[in-house]
Amino acid sequence: MTLKLNLHQHLTFIKEAVKLKGGSKEPGRNIVASISKKQLEDIANQKMSDLNAHDLEEAVKIIAGSARSMGIEVKE
């Protein structure tokens, strides 16, 4: 059995994209930053092999959900 260690989680890429140190203490109530659809697609392309997604659109949805849970607004 081989264990593959991923160096960067997609949460790290999200924080780097919006230049944040951490997420919101109250996600859903307190928005700390915003991220564009293009930035989400770039992150999804980098992490596609690590995500449980069949295509890029599903991967973007996963990344967008993570961003929302950190208190980051997803813009079209």
PDB file of N, CA and C in Angstrom:
ATOM      1  N   MET A   1       0.840  -1.172   0.000  1.00  0.00           N
ATOM      2  CA  MET A   1       0.000   0.000   0.000  1.00  0.00           C
ATOM      3  C   MET A   1       0.889   1.241   0.000  1.00  0.00           C
ATOM      4  N   THR A   2       0.566   2.173  -0.879  1.00  0.00           N
ATOM      5  CA  THR A   2       1.342   3.396  -1.008  1.00  0.00           C
ATOM      6  C   THR A   2       0.510   4.582  -0.550  1.00  0.00           C
ATOM      7  N   LEU A   3       1.096   5.425   0.260  1.00  0.00           N
ATOM      8  CA  LEU A   3       0.433   6.622   0.735  1.00  0.00           C
ATOM      9  C   LEU A   3       0.970   7.820  -0.030  1.00  0.00           C
ATOM     10  N   LYS A   4       0.079   8.529  -0.698  1.00  0.00           N
ATOM     11  CA  LYS A   4       0.483   9.697  -1.464  1.00  0.00           C
ATOM     12  C   LYS A   4       0.219  10.945  -0.619  1.00  0.00           C
ATOM     13  N   LEU A   5       1.226  11.732  -0.390  1.00  0.00           N
ATOM     14  CA  LEU A   5       1.113  12.935   0.420  1.00  0.00           C
ATOM     15  C   LEU A   5       1.011  14.144  -0.493  1.00  0.00           C
ATOM     16  N   ASN A   6      -0.077  14.895  -0.373  1.00  0.00           N
ATOM     17  CA  ASN A   6      -0.265  16.101  -1.169  1.00  0.00           C
ATOM     18  C   ASN A   6       0.347  17.283  -0.428  1.00  0.00           C
ATOM     19  N   LEU A   7       1.175  18.045  -1.120  1.00  0.00           N
ATOM     20  CA  LEU A   7       1.864  19.146  -0.468  1.00  0.00           C
ATOM     21  C   LEU A   7       0.947  20.326  -0.173  1.00  0.00           C
ATOM     22  N   HIS A   8       0.036  20.628  -1.072  1.00  0.00           N
ATOM     23  CA  HIS A   8      -0.849  21.768  -0.871  1.00  0.00           C
ATOM     24  C   HIS A   8      -2.296  21.327  -0.981  1.00  0.00           C
ATOM     25  N   GLN A   9      -3.081  21.668   0.015  1.00  0.00           N
ATOM     26  CA  GLN A   9      -4.509  21.426  -0.063  1.00  0.00           C
ATOM     27  C   GLN A   9      -5.140  22.553  -0.849  1.00  0.00           C
ATOM     28  N   HIS A  10      -6.337  22.320  -1.364  1.00  0.00           N
ATOM     29  CA  HIS A  10      -6.983  23.367  -2.144  1.00  0.00           C
ATOM     30  C   HIS A  10      -7.324  24.577  -1.278  1.00  0.00           C
ATOM     31  N   LEU A  11      -7.465  24.384   0.035  1.00  0.00           N
ATOM     32  CA  LEU A  11      -7.717  25.530   0.922  1.00  0.00           C
ATOM     33  C   LEU A  11      -6.533  26.496   0.922  1.00  0.00           C
ATOM     34  N   THR A  12      -5.334  25.956   0.821  1.00  0.00           N
ATOM     35  CA  THR A  12      -4.134  26.793   0.759  1.00  0.00           C
ATOM     36  C   THR A  12      -4.136  27.616  -0.522  1.00  0.00           C
ATOM     37  N   PHE A  13      -4.513  26.991  -1.631  1.00  0.00           N
ATOM     38  CA  PHE A  13      -4.582  27.713  -2.903  1.00  0.00           C
ATOM     39  C   PHE A  13      -5.646  28.814  -2.862  1.00  0.00           C
ATOM     40  N   ILE A  14      -6.773  28.538  -2.214  1.00  0.00           N
ATOM     41  CA  ILE A  14      -7.829  29.549  -2.087  1.00  0.00           C
ATOM     42  C   ILE A  14      -7.313  30.741  -1.287  1.00  0.00           C
ATOM     43  N   LYS A  15      -6.678  30.476  -0.154  1.00  0.00           N
ATOM     44  CA  LYS A  15      -6.155  31.571   0.675  1.00  0.00           C
ATOM     45  C   LYS A  15      -5.111  32.382  -0.075  1.00  0.00           C
ATOM     46  N   GLU A  16      -4.260  31.728  -0.849  1.00  0.00           N
ATOM     47  CA  GLU A  16      -3.253  32.445  -1.637  1.00  0.00           C
ATOM     48  C   GLU A  16      -3.904  33.292  -2.727  1.00  0.00           C
ATOM     49  N   ALA A  17      -4.971  32.780  -3.354  1.00  0.00           N
ATOM     50  CA  ALA A  17      -5.636  33.496  -4.443  1.00  0.00           C
ATOM     51  C   ALA A  17      -6.281  34.792  -3.967  1.00  0.00           C
ATOM     52  N   VAL A  18      -6.829  34.778  -2.754  1.00  0.00           N
ATOM     53  CA  VAL A  18      -7.497  35.979  -2.234  1.00  0.00           C
ATOM     54  C   VAL A  18      -6.637  36.730  -1.214  1.00  0.00           C
ATOM     55  N   LYS A  19      -5.408  36.256  -1.029  1.00  0.00           N
ATOM     56  CA  LYS A  19      -4.442  36.893  -0.128  1.00  0.00           C
ATOM     57  C   LYS A  19      -4.986  37.023   1.297  1.00  0.00           C
ATOM     58  N   LEU A  20      -5.367  35.882   1.850  1.00  0.00           N
ATOM     59  CA  LEU A  20      -5.902  35.808   3.207  1.00  0.00           C
ATOM     60  C   LEU A  20      -5.006  34.940   4.077  1.00  0.00           C
ATOM     61  N   LYS A  21      -4.994  35.225   5.365  1.00  0.00           N
ATOM     62  CA  LYS A  21      -4.269  34.367   6.301  1.00  0.00           C
ATOM     63  C   LYS A  21      -5.168  33.266   6.848  1.00  0.00           C
ATOM     64  N   GLY A  22      -6.467  33.547   6.939  1.00  0.00           N
ATOM     65  CA  GLY A  22      -7.414  32.575   7.455  1.00  0.00           C
ATOM     66  C   GLY A  22      -8.819  32.898   7.014  1.00  0.00           C
ATOM     67  N   GLY A  23      -9.723  31.990   7.289  1.00  0.00           N
ATOM     68  CA  GLY A  23     -11.111  32.184   6.900  1.00  0.00           C
ATOM     69  C   GLY A  23     -11.884  32.983   7.930  1.00  0.00           C
ATOM     70  N   SER A  24     -13.166  33.125   7.682  1.00  0.00           N
ATOM     71  CA  SER A  24     -14.063  33.864   8.553  1.00  0.00           C
ATOM     72  C   SER A  24     -14.355  33.062   9.818  1.00  0.00           C
ATOM     73  N   LYS A  25     -14.511  33.759  10.924  1.00  0.00           N
ATOM     74  CA  LYS A  25     -14.914  33.105  12.174  1.00  0.00           C
ATOM     75  C   LYS A  25     -16.392  32.729  12.108  1.00  0.00           C
ATOM     76  N   GLU A  26     -17.165  33.442  11.285  1.00  0.00           N
ATOM     77  CA  GLU A  26     -18.596  33.180  11.113  1.00  0.00           C
ATOM     78  C   GLU A  26     -18.942  33.081   9.627  1.00  0.00           C
ATOM     79  N   PRO A  27     -18.572  31.986   8.959  1.00  0.00           N
ATOM     80  CA  PRO A  27     -18.889  31.858   7.537  1.00  0.00           C
ATOM     81  C   PRO A  27     -20.396  31.884   7.303  1.00  0.00           C
ATOM     82  N   GLY A  28     -20.803  32.522   6.214  1.00  0.00           N
ATOM     83  CA  GLY A  28     -22.215  32.666   5.925  1.00  0.00           C
ATOM     84  C   GLY A  28     -22.783  33.964   6.467  1.00  0.00           C
ATOM     85  N   ARG A  29     -22.156  34.499   7.493  1.00  0.00           N
ATOM     86  CA  ARG A  29     -22.580  35.772   8.085  1.00  0.00           C
ATOM     87  C   ARG A  29     -21.560  36.871   7.813  1.00  0.00           C
ATOM     88  N   ASN A  30     -20.317  36.510   7.869  1.00  0.00           N
ATOM     89  CA  ASN A  30     -19.236  37.476   7.717  1.00  0.00           C
ATOM     90  C   ASN A  30     -18.404  37.097   6.485  1.00  0.00           C
ATOM     91  N   ILE A  31     -18.480  37.913   5.446  1.00  0.00           N
ATOM     92  CA  ILE A  31     -17.707  37.684   4.218  1.00  0.00           C
ATOM     93  C   ILE A  31     -16.359  38.385   4.367  1.00  0.00           C
ATOM     94  N   VAL A  32     -15.270  37.630   4.212  1.00  0.00           N
ATOM     95  CA  VAL A  32     -13.936  38.207   4.407  1.00  0.00           C
ATOM     96  C   VAL A  32     -13.233  38.537   3.101  1.00  0.00           C
ATOM     97  N   ALA A  33     -13.686  37.953   1.986  1.00  0.00           N
ATOM     98  CA  ALA A  33     -13.046  38.193   0.685  1.00  0.00           C
ATOM     99  C   ALA A  33     -13.965  37.667  -0.406  1.00  0.00           C
ATOM    100  N   SER A  34     -13.545  37.851  -1.651  1.00  0.00           N
ATOM    101  CA  SER A  34     -14.283  37.275  -2.773  1.00  0.00           C
ATOM    102  C   SER A  34     -13.288  36.639  -3.740  1.00  0.00           C
ATOM    103  N   ILE A  35     -13.780  35.644  -4.469  1.00  0.00           N
ATOM    104  CA  ILE A  35     -12.945  34.924  -5.429  1.00  0.00           C
ATOM    105  C   ILE A  35     -13.733  34.796  -6.726  1.00  0.00           C
ATOM    106  N   SER A  36     -13.033  34.887  -7.841  1.00  0.00           N
ATOM    107  CA  SER A  36     -13.695  34.824  -9.146  1.00  0.00           C
ATOM    108  C   SER A  36     -13.798  33.383  -9.636  1.00  0.00           C
ATOM    109  N   LYS A  37     -14.696  33.185 -10.576  1.00  0.00           N
ATOM    110  CA  LYS A  37     -14.870  31.861 -11.193  1.00  0.00           C
ATOM    111  C   LYS A  37     -13.576  31.411 -11.886  1.00  0.00           C
ATOM    112  N   LYS A  38     -12.868  32.357 -12.494  1.00  0.00           N
ATOM    113  CA  LYS A  38     -11.605  32.048 -13.173  1.00  0.00           C
ATOM    114  C   LYS A  38     -10.563  31.530 -12.178  1.00  0.00           C
ATOM    115  N   GLN A  39     -10.476  32.177 -11.006  1.00  0.00           N
ATOM    116  CA  GLN A  39      -9.533  31.715  -9.983  1.00  0.00           C
ATOM    117  C   GLN A  39      -9.902  30.309  -9.511  1.00  0.00           C
ATOM    118  N   LEU A  40     -11.205  30.042  -9.362  1.00  0.00           N
ATOM    119  CA  LEU A  40     -11.650  28.701  -8.962  1.00  0.00           C
ATOM    120  C   LEU A  40     -11.263  27.662 -10.005  1.00  0.00           C
ATOM    121  N   GLU A  41     -11.408  28.009 -11.280  1.00  0.00           N
ATOM    122  CA  GLU A  41     -11.041  27.083 -12.354  1.00  0.00           C
ATOM    123  C   GLU A  41      -9.543  26.797 -12.343  1.00  0.00           C
ATOM    124  N   ASP A  42      -8.721  27.816 -12.092  1.00  0.00           N
ATOM    125  CA  ASP A  42      -7.272  27.615 -12.020  1.00  0.00           C
ATOM    126  C   ASP A  42      -6.906  26.661 -10.883  1.00  0.00           C
ATOM    127  N   ILE A  43      -7.522  26.849  -9.720  1.00  0.00           N
ATOM    128  CA  ILE A  43      -7.259  25.982  -8.573  1.00  0.00           C
ATOM    129  C   ILE A  43      -7.738  24.562  -8.874  1.00  0.00           C
ATOM    130  N   ALA A  44      -8.920  24.437  -9.476  1.00  0.00           N
ATOM    131  CA  ALA A  44      -9.469  23.120  -9.812  1.00  0.00           C
ATOM    132  C   ALA A  44      -8.564  22.383 -10.799  1.00  0.00           C
ATOM    133  N   ASN A  45      -8.008  23.100 -11.769  1.00  0.00           N
ATOM    134  CA  ASN A  45      -7.080  22.473 -12.716  1.00  0.00           C
ATOM    135  C   ASN A  45      -5.848  21.937 -12.008  1.00  0.00           C
ATOM    136  N   GLN A  46      -5.336  22.679 -11.029  1.00  0.00           N
ATOM    137  CA  GLN A  46      -4.149  22.240 -10.295  1.00  0.00           C
ATOM    138  C   GLN A  46      -4.438  21.027  -9.412  1.00  0.00           C
ATOM    139  N   LYS A  47      -5.654  20.964  -8.833  1.00  0.00           N
ATOM    140  CA  LYS A  47      -5.979  19.923  -7.871  1.00  0.00           C
ATOM    141  C   LYS A  47      -6.872  18.822  -8.438  1.00  0.00           C
ATOM    142  N   MET A  48      -7.108  18.815  -9.747  1.00  0.00           N
ATOM    143  CA  MET A  48      -8.039  17.874 -10.376  1.00  0.00           C
ATOM    144  C   MET A  48      -7.738  16.417 -10.017  1.00  0.00           C
ATOM    145  N   SER A  49      -6.497  16.047  -9.980  1.00  0.00           N
ATOM    146  CA  SER A  49      -6.153  14.644  -9.702  1.00  0.00           C
ATOM    147  C   SER A  49      -6.442  14.255  -8.248  1.00  0.00           C
ATOM    148  N   ASP A  50      -6.511  15.236  -7.351  1.00  0.00           N
ATOM    149  CA  ASP A  50      -6.747  14.957  -5.934  1.00  0.00           C
ATOM    150  C   ASP A  50      -8.223  15.026  -5.550  1.00  0.00           C
ATOM    151  N   LEU A  51      -9.054  15.575  -6.429  1.00  0.00           N
ATOM    152  CA  LEU A  51     -10.466  15.740  -6.114  1.00  0.00           C
ATOM    153  C   LEU A  51     -11.285  14.572  -6.637  1.00  0.00           C
ATOM    154  N   ASN A  52     -12.388  14.308  -5.978  1.00  0.00           N
ATOM    155  CA  ASN A  52     -13.299  13.247  -6.401  1.00  0.00           C
ATOM    156  C   ASN A  52     -14.312  13.850  -7.368  1.00  0.00           C
ATOM    157  N   ALA A  53     -13.837  14.220  -8.559  1.00  0.00           N
ATOM    158  CA  ALA A  53     -14.686  14.870  -9.559  1.00  0.00           C
ATOM    159  C   ALA A  53     -14.425  14.245 -10.932  1.00  0.00           C
ATOM    160  N   HIS A  54     -15.483  14.164 -11.729  1.00  0.00           N
ATOM    161  CA  HIS A  54     -15.367  13.573 -13.064  1.00  0.00           C
ATOM    162  C   HIS A  54     -14.911  14.574 -14.111  1.00  0.00           C
ATOM    163  N   ASP A  55     -15.225  15.852 -13.889  1.00  0.00           N
ATOM    164  CA  ASP A  55     -14.832  16.866 -14.857  1.00  0.00           C
ATOM    165  C   ASP A  55     -14.524  18.184 -14.140  1.00  0.00           C
ATOM    166  N   LEU A  56     -14.100  19.164 -14.913  1.00  0.00           N
ATOM    167  CA  LEU A  56     -13.687  20.445 -14.349  1.00  0.00           C
ATOM    168  C   LEU A  56     -14.841  21.163 -13.660  1.00  0.00           C
ATOM    169  N   GLU A  57     -16.040  21.068 -14.216  1.00  0.00           N
ATOM    170  CA  GLU A  57     -17.198  21.749 -13.618  1.00  0.00           C
ATOM    171  C   GLU A  57     -17.487  21.242 -12.205  1.00  0.00           C
ATOM    172  N   GLU A  58     -17.418  19.933 -12.009  1.00  0.00           N
ATOM    173  CA  GLU A  58     -17.627  19.360 -10.677  1.00  0.00           C
ATOM    174  C   GLU A  58     -16.508  19.775  -9.731  1.00  0.00           C
ATOM    175  N   ALA A  59     -15.282  19.815 -10.224  1.00  0.00           N
ATOM    176  CA  ALA A  59     -14.150  20.218  -9.398  1.00  0.00           C
ATOM    177  C   ALA A  59     -14.299  21.671  -8.952  1.00  0.00           C
ATOM    178  N   VAL A  60     -14.775  22.537  -9.851  1.00  0.00           N
ATOM    179  CA  VAL A  60     -14.994  23.948  -9.501  1.00  0.00           C
ATOM    180  C   VAL A  60     -16.048  24.053  -8.409  1.00  0.00           C
ATOM    181  N   LYS A  61     -17.094  23.239  -8.475  1.00  0.00           N
ATOM    182  CA  LYS A  61     -18.138  23.259  -7.448  1.00  0.00           C
ATOM    183  C   LYS A  61     -17.582  22.862  -6.083  1.00  0.00           C
ATOM    184  N   ILE A  62     -16.693  21.888  -6.060  1.00  0.00           N
ATOM    185  CA  ILE A  62     -16.069  21.460  -4.807  1.00  0.00           C
ATOM    186  C   ILE A  62     -15.230  22.594  -4.215  1.00  0.00           C
ATOM    187  N   ILE A  63     -14.409  23.217  -5.053  1.00  0.00           N
ATOM    188  CA  ILE A  63     -13.552  24.320  -4.603  1.00  0.00           C
ATOM    189  C   ILE A  63     -14.409  25.497  -4.146  1.00  0.00           C
ATOM    190  N   ALA A  64     -15.489  25.804  -4.882  1.00  0.00           N
ATOM    191  CA  ALA A  64     -16.381  26.909  -4.518  1.00  0.00           C
ATOM    192  C   ALA A  64     -17.039  26.654  -3.169  1.00  0.00           C
ATOM    193  N   GLY A  65     -17.441  25.429  -2.909  1.00  0.00           N
ATOM    194  CA  GLY A  65     -18.031  25.080  -1.614  1.00  0.00           C
ATOM    195  C   GLY A  65     -17.051  25.272  -0.476  1.00  0.00           C
ATOM    196  N   SER A  66     -15.810  24.919  -0.709  1.00  0.00           N
ATOM    197  CA  SER A  66     -14.779  25.119   0.311  1.00  0.00           C
ATOM    198  C   SER A  66     -14.561  26.606   0.574  1.00  0.00           C
ATOM    199  N   ALA A  67     -14.558  27.392  -0.500  1.00  0.00           N
ATOM    200  CA  ALA A  67     -14.380  28.838  -0.358  1.00  0.00           C
ATOM    201  C   ALA A  67     -15.538  29.438   0.444  1.00  0.00           C
ATOM    202  N   ARG A  68     -16.757  29.042   0.132  1.00  0.00           N
ATOM    203  CA  ARG A  68     -17.932  29.554   0.864  1.00  0.00           C
ATOM    204  C   ARG A  68     -17.858  29.192   2.340  1.00  0.00           C
ATOM    205  N   SER A  69     -17.377  27.994   2.644  1.00  0.00           N
ATOM    206  CA  SER A  69     -17.292  27.557   4.044  1.00  0.00           C
ATOM    207  C   SER A  69     -16.217  28.316   4.810  1.00  0.00           C
ATOM    208  N   MET A  70     -15.351  29.015   4.082  1.00  0.00           N
ATOM    209  CA  MET A  70     -14.323  29.856   4.715  1.00  0.00           C
ATOM    210  C   MET A  70     -14.788  31.301   4.836  1.00  0.00           C
ATOM    211  N   GLY A  71     -15.989  31.617   4.331  1.00  0.00           N
ATOM    212  CA  GLY A  71     -16.493  32.980   4.369  1.00  0.00           C
ATOM    213  C   GLY A  71     -16.052  33.813   3.186  1.00  0.00           C
ATOM    214  N   ILE A  72     -15.767  33.144   2.067  1.00  0.00           N
ATOM    215  CA  ILE A  72     -15.322  33.829   0.853  1.00  0.00           C
ATOM    216  C   ILE A  72     -16.465  33.802  -0.156  1.00  0.00           C
ATOM    217  N   GLU A  73     -16.815  34.952  -0.678  1.00  0.00           N
ATOM    218  CA  GLU A  73     -17.893  35.068  -1.650  1.00  0.00           C
ATOM    219  C   GLU A  73     -17.389  34.645  -3.035  1.00  0.00           C
ATOM    220  N   VAL A  74     -18.184  33.828  -3.724  1.00  0.00           N
ATOM    221  CA  VAL A  74     -17.834  33.365  -5.062  1.00  0.00           C
ATOM    222  C   VAL A  74     -18.546  34.264  -6.064  1.00  0.00           C
ATOM    223  N   LYS A  75     -17.764  34.941  -6.920  1.00  0.00           N
ATOM    224  CA  LYS A  75     -18.325  35.845  -7.920  1.00  0.00           C
ATOM    225  C   LYS A  75     -18.241  35.199  -9.294  1.00  0.00           C
ATOM    226  N   GLU A  76     -19.250  35.483 -10.108  1.00  0.00           N
ATOM    227  CA  GLU A  76     -19.305  34.949 -11.470  1.00  0.00           C
ATOM    228  C   GLU A  76     -18.336  35.629 -12.385  1.00  0.00           C
TER     229      GLU A  76
END
